[in-house]
C-alpha atoms as a PDB file:
ATOM      1  CA  MET A   1      75.014  18.318  69.842  1.00  0.00           C
ATOM      2  CA  MET A   2      75.719  15.229  67.289  1.00  0.00           C
ATOM      3  CA  LEU A   3      72.548  13.880  65.879  1.00  0.00           C
ATOM      4  CA  ASP A   4      72.164  10.140  64.958  1.00  0.00           C
ATOM      5  CA  ALA A   5      71.517   8.958  61.507  1.00  0.00           C
ATOM      6  CA  ALA A   6      67.740   8.349  62.193  1.00  0.00           C
ATOM      7  CA  THR A   7      67.282  11.881  63.381  1.00  0.00           C
ATOM      8  CA  GLN A   8      69.314  13.419  60.602  1.00  0.00           C
ATOM      9  CA  ALA A   9      67.073  11.588  58.020  1.00  0.00           C
ATOM     10  CA  PRO A  10      64.744  13.994  56.162  1.00  0.00           C
ATOM     11  CA  PRO A  11      61.270  13.826  57.753  1.00  0.00           C
ATOM     12  CA  ASP A  12      58.236  12.373  55.763  1.00  0.00           C
ATOM     13  CA  GLY A  13      56.431  15.696  56.402  1.00  0.00           C
ATOM     14  CA  ASP A  14      55.924  18.392  58.864  1.00  0.00           C
ATOM     15  CA  GLY A  15      56.089  17.141  62.408  1.00  0.00           C
ATOM     16  CA  SER A  16      57.083  13.744  61.433  1.00  0.00           C
ATOM     17  CA  VAL A  17      58.922  11.558  63.955  1.00  0.00           C
ATOM     18  CA  GLN A  18      59.077   8.380  61.465  1.00  0.00           C
ATOM     19  CA  VAL A  19      62.368   6.450  61.375  1.00  0.00           C
ATOM     20  CA  GLN A  20      63.826   5.696  58.076  1.00  0.00           C
ATOM     21  CA  LEU A  21      63.146   1.939  56.858  1.00  0.00           C
ATOM     22  CA  ASP A  22      66.139  -0.211  57.230  1.00  0.00           C
ATOM     23  CA  PRO A  23      67.454  -0.688  53.677  1.00  0.00           C
ATOM     24  CA  SER A  24      68.070  -4.427  54.440  1.00  0.00           C
ATOM     25  CA  ASP A  25      64.299  -4.719  54.904  1.00  0.00           C
ATOM     26  CA  LYS A  26      63.475  -3.658  51.414  1.00  0.00           C
ATOM     27  CA  ILE A  27      61.406  -5.976  49.303  1.00  0.00           C
ATOM     28  CA  LYS A  28      63.501  -6.636  46.072  1.00  0.00           C
ATOM     29  CA  GLY A  29      62.161  -8.391  42.774  1.00  0.00           C
ATOM     30  CA  ALA A  30      58.527  -8.253  43.286  1.00  0.00           C
ATOM     31  CA  LYS A  31      55.954  -5.542  42.341  1.00  0.00           C
ATOM     32  CA  VAL A  32      54.580  -4.252  45.654  1.00  0.00           C
ATOM     33  CA  PHE A  33      51.250  -2.783  46.084  1.00  0.00           C
ATOM     34  CA  ALA A  34      49.592  -1.235  49.191  1.00  0.00           C
ATOM     35  CA  VAL A  35      45.920  -0.817  49.267  1.00  0.00           C
ATOM     36  CA  TYR A  36      44.183   1.876  51.298  1.00  0.00           C
ATOM     37  CA  GLY A  37      40.638   3.290  51.902  1.00  0.00           C
ATOM     38  CA  LYS A  38      38.035   4.015  54.435  1.00  0.00           C
ATOM     39  CA  GLY A  39      37.137   1.373  56.887  1.00  0.00           C
ATOM     40  CA  GLY A  40      34.540  -0.976  55.468  1.00  0.00           C
ATOM     41  CA  ILE A  41      34.776   0.280  51.955  1.00  0.00           C
ATOM     42  CA  GLY A  42      35.916  -3.163  50.564  1.00  0.00           C
ATOM     43  CA  LYS A  43      39.611  -3.049  50.764  1.00  0.00           C
ATOM     44  CA  SER A  44      39.929  -6.821  51.530  1.00  0.00           C
ATOM     45  CA  THR A  45      37.463  -7.693  48.946  1.00  0.00           C
ATOM     46  CA  THR A  46      39.377  -5.718  46.453  1.00  0.00           C
ATOM     47  CA  SER A  47      42.754  -6.859  47.465  1.00  0.00           C
ATOM     48  CA  SER A  48      41.824 -10.665  47.393  1.00  0.00           C
ATOM     49  CA  ASN A  49      40.116 -10.774  43.969  1.00  0.00           C
ATOM     50  CA  LEU A  50      43.080  -8.652  42.675  1.00  0.00           C
ATOM     51  CA  SER A  51      45.456 -11.244  44.139  1.00  0.00           C
ATOM     52  CA  ALA A  52      43.299 -14.011  42.317  1.00  0.00           C
ATOM     53  CA  ALA A  53      43.382 -11.804  39.122  1.00  0.00           C
ATOM     54  CA  PHE A  54      47.275 -11.613  39.248  1.00  0.00           C
ATOM     55  CA  SER A  55      47.380 -15.399  39.760  1.00  0.00           C
ATOM     56  CA  LYS A  56      45.059 -15.816  36.853  1.00  0.00           C
ATOM     57  CA  LEU A  57      47.647 -13.875  34.682  1.00  0.00           C
ATOM     58  CA  GLY A  58      50.209 -16.513  35.632  1.00  0.00           C
ATOM     59  CA  HIS A  59      52.057 -14.486  38.412  1.00  0.00           C
ATOM     60  CA  ARG A  60      53.171 -15.812  41.892  1.00  0.00           C
ATOM     61  CA  VAL A  61      51.266 -13.736  44.397  1.00  0.00           C
ATOM     62  CA  LEU A  62      51.537 -13.002  48.188  1.00  0.00           C
ATOM     63  CA  GLN A  63      48.903 -10.975  49.828  1.00  0.00           C
ATOM     64  CA  ILE A  64      49.624  -9.644  53.459  1.00  0.00           C
ATOM     65  CA  GLY A  65      46.704  -8.479  55.717  1.00  0.00           C
ATOM     66  CA  CYS A  66      47.748  -5.696  58.067  1.00  0.00           C
ATOM     67  CA  ASP A  67      44.537  -5.682  60.132  1.00  0.00           C
ATOM     68  CA  PRO A  68      44.426  -7.287  63.821  1.00  0.00           C
ATOM     69  CA  LYS A  69      41.025  -8.642  62.714  1.00  0.00           C
ATOM     70  CA  HIS A  70      43.011 -10.808  60.378  1.00  0.00           C
ATOM     71  CA  ASP A  71      40.291 -11.129  57.858  1.00  0.00           C
ATOM     72  CA  SER A  72      41.938  -9.947  54.818  1.00  0.00           C
ATOM     73  CA  THR A  73      42.610 -13.413  53.117  1.00  0.00           C
ATOM     74  CA  PHE A  74      39.785 -15.573  54.253  1.00  0.00           C
ATOM     75  CA  THR A  75      38.184 -15.577  50.733  1.00  0.00           C
ATOM     76  CA  LEU A  76      41.133 -17.023  49.452  1.00  0.00           C
ATOM     77  CA  THR A  77      41.958 -19.535  52.206  1.00  0.00           C
ATOM     78  CA  LYS A  78      38.375 -20.298  53.307  1.00  0.00           C
ATOM     79  CA  LYS A  79      39.479 -19.850  57.071  1.00  0.00           C
ATOM     80  CA  LEU A  80      40.647 -17.212  59.445  1.00  0.00           C
ATOM     81  CA  MET A  81      44.353 -17.995  59.500  1.00  0.00           C
ATOM     82  CA  PRO A  82      46.734 -17.567  62.622  1.00  0.00           C
ATOM     83  CA  THR A  83      48.472 -14.217  62.465  1.00  0.00           C
ATOM     84  CA  VAL A  84      52.376 -13.620  62.574  1.00  0.00           C
ATOM     85  CA  ILE A  85      51.989 -12.299  66.120  1.00  0.00           C
ATOM     86  CA  ASP A  86      49.991 -15.569  67.060  1.00  0.00           C
ATOM     87  CA  ALA A  87      52.834 -17.627  65.630  1.00  0.00           C
ATOM     88  CA  LEU A  88      55.552 -15.521  67.382  1.00  0.00           C
ATOM     89  CA  GLU A  89      53.878 -15.795  70.673  1.00  0.00           C
ATOM     90  CA  GLN A  90      53.901 -19.491  70.370  1.00  0.00           C
ATOM     91  CA  VAL A  91      57.598 -19.623  70.232  1.00  0.00           C
ATOM     92  CA  GLU A  92      57.966 -16.673  72.748  1.00  0.00           C
ATOM     93  CA  PHE A  93      59.003 -14.463  69.957  1.00  0.00           C
ATOM     94  CA  HIS A  94      62.002 -16.474  68.847  1.00  0.00           C
ATOM     95  CA  SER A  95      61.463 -16.091  65.252  1.00  0.00           C
ATOM     96  CA  GLU A  96      64.285 -18.657  64.205  1.00  0.00           C
ATOM     97  CA  GLU A  97      61.988 -21.371  65.739  1.00  0.00           C
ATOM     98  CA  LEU A  98      59.117 -20.770  63.203  1.00  0.00           C
ATOM     99  CA  ARG A  99      58.265 -22.747  60.421  1.00  0.00           C
ATOM    100  CA  THR A 100      56.816 -21.348  56.986  1.00  0.00           C
ATOM    101  CA  GLU A 101      53.473 -23.348  57.602  1.00  0.00           C
ATOM    102  CA  ASP A 102      53.223 -21.591  60.989  1.00  0.00           C
ATOM    103  CA  PHE A 103      52.193 -18.262  59.375  1.00  0.00           C
ATOM    104  CA  MET A 104      51.846 -18.790  55.669  1.00  0.00           C
ATOM    105  CA  PHE A 105      48.899 -20.535  53.815  1.00  0.00           C
ATOM    106  CA  GLU A 106      48.286 -21.423  50.225  1.00  0.00           C
ATOM    107  CA  GLY A 107      44.899 -19.912  49.089  1.00  0.00           C
ATOM    108  CA  TYR A 108      43.048 -19.899  45.742  1.00  0.00           C
ATOM    109  CA  ASN A 109      44.931 -20.641  42.614  1.00  0.00           C
ATOM    110  CA  GLY A 110      47.992 -20.691  44.509  1.00  0.00           C
ATOM    111  CA  VAL A 111      47.940 -17.333  46.055  1.00  0.00           C
ATOM    112  CA  MET A 112      50.091 -17.327  49.231  1.00  0.00           C
ATOM    113  CA  CYS A 113      48.554 -15.676  52.159  1.00  0.00           C
ATOM    114  CA  VAL A 114      49.913 -13.992  55.607  1.00  0.00           C
ATOM    115  CA  GLU A 115      47.991 -12.115  58.201  1.00  0.00           C
ATOM    116  CA  ALA A 116      50.280  -9.869  60.045  1.00  0.00           C
ATOM    117  CA  GLY A 117      47.917  -9.454  62.877  1.00  0.00           C
ATOM    118  CA  GLY A 118      48.397  -6.843  65.561  1.00  0.00           C
ATOM    119  CA  PRO A 119      49.096  -5.870  69.146  1.00  0.00           C
ATOM    120  CA  PRO A 120      46.062  -5.921  71.609  1.00  0.00           C
ATOM    121  CA  ALA A 121      43.914  -2.805  71.327  1.00  0.00           C
ATOM    122  CA  GLY A 122      45.714   0.159  72.655  1.00  0.00           C
ATOM    123  CA  THR A 123      48.995  -1.751  73.588  1.00  0.00           C
ATOM    124  CA  GLY A 124      51.276  -1.199  70.484  1.00  0.00           C
ATOM    125  CA  CYS A 125      51.906  -0.145  66.791  1.00  0.00           C
ATOM    126  CA  GLY A 126      50.677  -1.839  63.870  1.00  0.00           C
ATOM    127  CA  GLY A 127      53.683  -0.460  61.968  1.00  0.00           C
ATOM    128  CA  TYR A 128      56.080  -2.674  64.242  1.00  0.00           C
ATOM    129  CA  VAL A 129      53.935  -5.785  63.296  1.00  0.00           C
ATOM    130  CA  VAL A 130      54.215  -4.999  59.562  1.00  0.00           C
ATOM    131  CA  GLY A 131      58.033  -4.538  59.987  1.00  0.00           C
ATOM    132  CA  GLN A 132      58.405  -7.795  61.731  1.00  0.00           C
ATOM    133  CA  THR A 133      56.318  -9.729  59.252  1.00  0.00           C
ATOM    134  CA  VAL A 134      58.557  -8.520  56.412  1.00  0.00           C
ATOM    135  CA  LYS A 135      61.484  -9.355  58.405  1.00  0.00           C
ATOM    136  CA  LEU A 136      60.232 -12.851  58.934  1.00  0.00           C
ATOM    137  CA  LEU A 137      59.325 -13.421  55.305  1.00  0.00           C
ATOM    138  CA  LYS A 138      62.830 -12.481  54.188  1.00  0.00           C
ATOM    139  CA  GLN A 139      64.462 -14.658  56.887  1.00  0.00           C
ATOM    140  CA  HIS A 140      62.627 -17.549  55.377  1.00  0.00           C
ATOM    141  CA  HIS A 141      63.437 -16.399  51.938  1.00  0.00           C
ATOM    142  CA  LEU A 142      59.760 -16.251  50.865  1.00  0.00           C
ATOM    143  CA  LEU A 143      59.799 -13.165  48.802  1.00  0.00           C
ATOM    144  CA  GLU A 144      62.434 -14.590  46.505  1.00  0.00           C
ATOM    145  CA  ASP A 145      59.940 -16.667  44.492  1.00  0.00           C
ATOM    146  CA  THR A 146      57.277 -13.896  44.475  1.00  0.00           C
ATOM    147  CA  ASP A 147      56.035 -11.690  41.641  1.00  0.00           C
ATOM    148  CA  VAL A 148      53.602  -9.632  43.381  1.00  0.00           C
ATOM    149  CA  VAL A 149      53.048  -8.537  46.959  1.00  0.00           C
ATOM    150  CA  ILE A 150      49.658  -7.006  48.106  1.00  0.00           C
ATOM    151  CA  PHE A 151      49.491  -5.252  51.485  1.00  0.00           C
ATOM    152  CA  ASP A 152      45.942  -4.830  52.509  1.00  0.00           C
ATOM    153  CA  VAL A 153      46.085  -2.126  55.073  1.00  0.00           C
ATOM    154  CA  LEU A 154      43.521  -1.343  58.101  1.00  0.00           C
ATOM    155  CA  GLY A 155      41.050   1.260  57.505  1.00  0.00           C
ATOM    156  CA  ASP A 156      41.721   5.007  56.818  1.00  0.00           C
ATOM    157  CA  VAL A 157      44.306   5.240  59.569  1.00  0.00           C
ATOM    158  CA  VAL A 158      47.187   7.621  58.417  1.00  0.00           C
ATOM    159  CA  CYS A 159      49.498   7.317  61.385  1.00  0.00           C
ATOM    160  CA  GLY A 160      53.098   6.450  60.859  1.00  0.00           C
ATOM    161  CA  GLY A 161      52.378   2.704  62.131  1.00  0.00           C
ATOM    162  CA  PHE A 162      49.875   1.946  59.375  1.00  0.00           C
ATOM    163  CA  ALA A 163      51.573   3.908  56.732  1.00  0.00           C
ATOM    164  CA  ALA A 164      54.482   1.439  57.169  1.00  0.00           C
ATOM    165  CA  PRO A 165      53.522  -0.607  54.019  1.00  0.00           C
ATOM    166  CA  LEU A 166      54.059   2.568  52.073  1.00  0.00           C
ATOM    167  CA  GLN A 167      57.800   2.223  52.953  1.00  0.00           C
ATOM    168  CA  HIS A 168      57.825  -1.237  51.102  1.00  0.00           C
ATOM    169  CA  ALA A 169      55.369  -0.490  48.193  1.00  0.00           C
ATOM    170  CA  GLU A 170      55.985   0.723  44.601  1.00  0.00           C
ATOM    171  CA  ARG A 171      52.385   1.886  43.996  1.00  0.00           C
ATOM    172  CA  ALA A 172      49.609   2.574  46.401  1.00  0.00           C
ATOM    173  CA  LEU A 173      45.947   2.290  45.496  1.00  0.00           C
ATOM    174  CA  VAL A 174      43.026   3.762  47.312  1.00  0.00           C
ATOM    175  CA  VAL A 175      39.514   2.171  47.272  1.00  0.00           C
ATOM    176  CA  ALA A 176      36.750   4.547  47.643  1.00  0.00           C
ATOM    177  CA  ALA A 177      32.983   4.868  47.001  1.00  0.00           C
ATOM    178  CA  ASN A 178      31.125   7.729  45.274  1.00  0.00           C
ATOM    179  CA  ASP A 179      30.294   9.265  48.718  1.00  0.00           C
ATOM    180  CA  PHE A 180      31.348  12.107  50.938  1.00  0.00           C
ATOM    181  CA  ASP A 181      32.801   9.917  53.829  1.00  0.00           C
ATOM    182  CA  SER A 182      35.123   7.789  51.688  1.00  0.00           C
ATOM    183  CA  ILE A 183      36.275  10.554  49.363  1.00  0.00           C
ATOM    184  CA  PHE A 184      37.049  12.625  52.471  1.00  0.00           C
ATOM    185  CA  ALA A 185      39.212   9.789  53.886  1.00  0.00           C
ATOM    186  CA  MET A 186      40.782   9.214  50.363  1.00  0.00           C
ATOM    187  CA  ASN A 187      42.045  12.952  50.396  1.00  0.00           C
ATOM    188  CA  ARG A 188      43.864  12.248  53.734  1.00  0.00           C
ATOM    189  CA  ILE A 189      45.394   9.017  52.442  1.00  0.00           C
ATOM    190  CA  VAL A 190      46.598  10.815  49.245  1.00  0.00           C
ATOM    191  CA  ALA A 191      48.467  13.156  51.661  1.00  0.00           C
ATOM    192  CA  ALA A 192      49.992  10.341  53.595  1.00  0.00           C
ATOM    193  CA  ILE A 193      51.226   8.743  50.340  1.00  0.00           C
ATOM    194  CA  GLY A 194      52.581  12.020  49.308  1.00  0.00           C
ATOM    195  CA  ALA A 195      54.505  12.458  52.579  1.00  0.00           C
ATOM    196  CA  LYS A 196      56.002   8.840  52.290  1.00  0.00           C
ATOM    197  CA  ALA A 197      56.865   9.597  48.728  1.00  0.00           C
ATOM    198  CA  LYS A 198      59.422  12.185  49.695  1.00  0.00           C
ATOM    199  CA  ASN A 199      61.712   9.470  51.059  1.00  0.00           C
ATOM    200  CA  TYR A 200      60.547   6.194  49.715  1.00  0.00           C
ATOM    201  CA  ASP A 201      59.887   4.795  46.116  1.00  0.00           C
ATOM    202  CA  VAL A 202      56.185   4.554  46.625  1.00  0.00           C
ATOM    203  CA  ARG A 203      53.937   6.615  44.352  1.00  0.00           C
ATOM    204  CA  LEU A 204      50.145   7.033  44.109  1.00  0.00           C
ATOM    205  CA  ALA A 205      48.679   4.903  41.353  1.00  0.00           C
ATOM    206  CA  GLY A 206      45.218   5.972  41.738  1.00  0.00           C
ATOM    207  CA  VAL A 207      41.893   5.157  43.015  1.00  0.00           C
ATOM    208  CA  VAL A 208      39.546   2.151  42.524  1.00  0.00           C
ATOM    209  CA  ALA A 209      35.982   3.160  42.620  1.00  0.00           C
ATOM    210  CA  ASN A 210      34.013   0.457  44.620  1.00  0.00           C
ATOM    211  CA  ARG A 211      30.427  -0.315  45.641  1.00  0.00           C
ATOM    212  CA  SER A 212      28.947   2.498  43.443  1.00  0.00           C
ATOM    213  CA  ARG A 213      26.739   2.810  40.508  1.00  0.00           C
ATOM    214  CA  GLU A 214      28.241   6.158  39.406  1.00  0.00           C
ATOM    215  CA  THR A 215      31.610   7.645  39.742  1.00  0.00           C
ATOM    216  CA  ASP A 216      30.687  11.280  39.066  1.00  0.00           C
ATOM    217  CA  GLU A 217      31.965  12.623  42.538  1.00  0.00           C
ATOM    218  CA  ILE A 218      35.125  10.571  42.533  1.00  0.00           C
ATOM    219  CA  ASP A 219      35.999  11.764  39.030  1.00  0.00           C
ATOM    220  CA  ARG A 220      35.257  15.376  40.114  1.00  0.00           C
ATOM    221  CA  PHE A 221      37.691  14.974  42.887  1.00  0.00           C
ATOM    222  CA  CYS A 222      40.262  13.239  40.857  1.00  0.00           C
ATOM    223  CA  ASP A 223      40.138  15.968  38.201  1.00  0.00           C
ATOM    224  CA  GLU A 224      40.539  18.712  40.883  1.00  0.00           C
ATOM    225  CA  ILE A 225      43.751  17.016  42.717  1.00  0.00           C
ATOM    226  CA  GLY A 226      45.288  15.428  39.648  1.00  0.00           C
ATOM    227  CA  MET A 227      44.522  11.755  40.330  1.00  0.00           C
ATOM    228  CA  GLN A 228      43.493   9.003  38.023  1.00  0.00           C
ATOM    229  CA  ARG A 229      40.633   6.422  38.298  1.00  0.00           C
ATOM    230  CA  LEU A 230      42.016   2.968  37.712  1.00  0.00           C
ATOM    231  CA  ALA A 231      38.841   0.812  37.854  1.00  0.00           C
ATOM    232  CA  HIS A 232      35.235   0.688  38.721  1.00  0.00           C
ATOM    233  CA  PHE A 233      33.189  -2.055  40.582  1.00  0.00           C
ATOM    234  CA  GLN A 234      29.628  -1.377  40.974  1.00  0.00           C
ATOM    235  CA  ASP A 235      27.556  -2.394  43.959  1.00  0.00           C
ATOM    236  CA  LEU A 236      26.896  -5.921  43.004  1.00  0.00           C
ATOM    237  CA  ASP A 237      25.005  -8.347  45.302  1.00  0.00           C
ATOM    238  CA  ALA A 238      27.331 -11.073  43.771  1.00  0.00           C
ATOM    239  CA  ILE A 239      30.507  -9.502  45.613  1.00  0.00           C
ATOM    240  CA  ARG A 240      28.439  -9.327  48.908  1.00  0.00           C
ATOM    241  CA  ARG A 241      27.481 -13.130  48.470  1.00  0.00           C
ATOM    242  CA  SER A 242      30.977 -14.106  47.642  1.00  0.00           C
ATOM    243  CA  ARG A 243      32.083 -12.796  51.056  1.00  0.00           C
ATOM    244  CA  LEU A 244      29.201 -14.804  52.748  1.00  0.00           C
ATOM    245  CA  LYS A 245      30.319 -17.907  50.756  1.00  0.00           C
ATOM    246  CA  LYS A 246      34.040 -17.229  51.695  1.00  0.00           C
ATOM    247  CA  CYS A 247      35.246 -17.223  48.108  1.00  0.00           C
ATOM    248  CA  THR A 248      36.639 -14.792  45.486  1.00  0.00           C
ATOM    249  CA  LEU A 249      34.548 -13.501  42.706  1.00  0.00           C
ATOM    250  CA  PHE A 250      36.280 -15.898  40.487  1.00  0.00           C
ATOM    251  CA  GLU A 251      34.541 -18.810  42.205  1.00  0.00           C
ATOM    252  CA  MET A 252      31.091 -17.607  41.871  1.00  0.00           C
ATOM    253  CA  GLU A 253      28.579 -18.936  39.576  1.00  0.00           C
ATOM    254  CA  GLU A 254      28.998 -16.996  36.179  1.00  0.00           C
ATOM    255  CA  CYS A 255      26.432 -14.475  34.991  1.00  0.00           C
ATOM    256  CA  PRO A 256      26.833 -11.255  33.141  1.00  0.00           C
ATOM    257  CA  GLU A 257      27.467  -9.216  36.024  1.00  0.00           C
ATOM    258  CA  VAL A 258      30.139 -11.678  37.625  1.00  0.00           C
ATOM    259  CA  LEU A 259      31.839 -11.912  34.399  1.00  0.00           C
ATOM    260  CA  ALA A 260      32.152  -8.237  33.842  1.00  0.00           C
ATOM    261  CA  ALA A 261      33.515  -7.721  37.249  1.00  0.00           C
ATOM    262  CA  GLN A 262      36.004 -10.551  36.842  1.00  0.00           C
ATOM    263  CA  LEU A 263      37.104  -8.884  33.569  1.00  0.00           C
ATOM    264  CA  GLU A 264      37.473  -5.520  35.356  1.00  0.00           C
ATOM    265  CA  TYR A 265      39.755  -7.241  37.815  1.00  0.00           C
ATOM    266  CA  ILE A 266      41.874  -8.887  35.227  1.00  0.00           C
ATOM    267  CA  ARG A 267      42.031  -5.621  33.473  1.00  0.00           C
ATOM    268  CA  LEU A 268      43.303  -3.948  36.610  1.00  0.00           C
ATOM    269  CA  ALA A 269      45.819  -6.517  37.271  1.00  0.00           C
ATOM    270  CA  GLN A 270      47.267  -6.304  33.859  1.00  0.00           C
ATOM    271  CA  LEU A 271      47.364  -2.468  34.112  1.00  0.00           C
ATOM    272  CA  LEU A 272      49.242  -2.601  37.358  1.00  0.00           C
ATOM    273  CA  TRP A 273      51.632  -5.353  36.203  1.00  0.00           C
ATOM    274  CA  ASP A 274      52.447  -3.329  32.950  1.00  0.00           C
ATOM    275  CA  GLY A 275      53.237  -0.168  35.025  1.00  0.00           C
ATOM    276  CA  VAL A 276      50.948   2.684  36.041  1.00  0.00           C
ATOM    277  CA  ASP A 277      52.338   6.188  35.793  1.00  0.00           C
ATOM    278  CA  PRO A 278      52.071   7.904  39.123  1.00  0.00           C
ATOM    279  CA  SER A 279      49.548  10.354  39.896  1.00  0.00           C
ATOM    280  CA  GLU A 280      51.107  13.573  40.828  1.00  0.00           C
ATOM    281  CA  ALA A 281      48.101  14.544  43.060  1.00  0.00           C
ATOM    282  CA  THR A 282      48.028  17.194  45.695  1.00  0.00           C
ATOM    283  CA  ALA A 283      45.728  16.618  48.514  1.00  0.00           C
ATOM    284  CA  MET A 284      43.240  19.341  49.498  1.00  0.00           C
ATOM    285  CA  LYS A 285      43.093  20.867  53.072  1.00  0.00           C
ATOM    286  CA  ASP A 286      40.294  19.236  55.153  1.00  0.00           C
ATOM    287  CA  ARG A 287      38.247  22.452  55.212  1.00  0.00           C
ATOM    288  CA  ASP A 288      38.669  22.799  51.415  1.00  0.00           C
ATOM    289  CA  ILE A 289      37.410  19.264  50.617  1.00  0.00           C
ATOM    290  CA  PHE A 290      34.589  19.786  53.045  1.00  0.00           C
ATOM    291  CA  ASP A 291      33.434  22.684  50.906  1.00  0.00           C
ATOM    292  CA  PHE A 292      34.315  20.976  47.627  1.00  0.00           C
ATOM    293  CA  LEU A 293      32.159  17.904  48.065  1.00  0.00           C
ATOM    294  CA  GLY A 294      28.573  17.616  47.639  1.00  0.00           C
ATOM    295  CA  PHE A 295      25.777  19.387  45.935  1.00  0.00           C
ATOM    296  CA  GLU A 296      25.008  23.152  46.040  1.00  0.00           C
END
């Protein structure tokens, strides 16, 4: 029996049923990053402040929120934006009828913002939405004048759908706190990134420690699997308040702790722009990391 090209494509891992990305949908020219992490760990805060930092360095930035809650970019735009799915529904999914201003909005310091949205709960795949969003951006030639693209991806879901941004990204970052749950989730995300790296250009950049005074457990885990820590943001009340004020950290009243966090975001953005050597990390089995984490 003859197999079609999609069936013949090498799998992303044992048991994978993923279809290869259409080469015509590949994002070219921009540096593309995908941000992952346990749900509620601060991915959107990290992504938005990182976008702002890239813009402060003079780069043209596009942030794509990949969560049906469409709350990735509100600290940049000061509002909950309509999603790509919302816009497509308005024109009965005739994408040629959409205007750029229907789904893309300018945020803080010129950062361009798109919320992919998602299907109603239990009715579809988020990966499809991500793919349609990238196609729409390419149809409107909106990626041609972009230096940096940041995908802010829903929670710690590692199914094929929400791993879809890894097909477009050059480097993937994981946001984690210095605790059992987020490190446990990070380990599974590292495994997902490793699976996608078999067939795509994406590589693991490292971990951003967030909402943590210390990083000892994160560092111990990184040393064990061969991963690097890229940045550290402590559990600052100023960051919590910035979300309540619907603004980035760069718009908060200056004080030593805010300035220090701003400089850390600028340092991280410059590090990523200059190019981060990939972490050749090997994720642990679930039972192994369960035994590894914590105190004796």
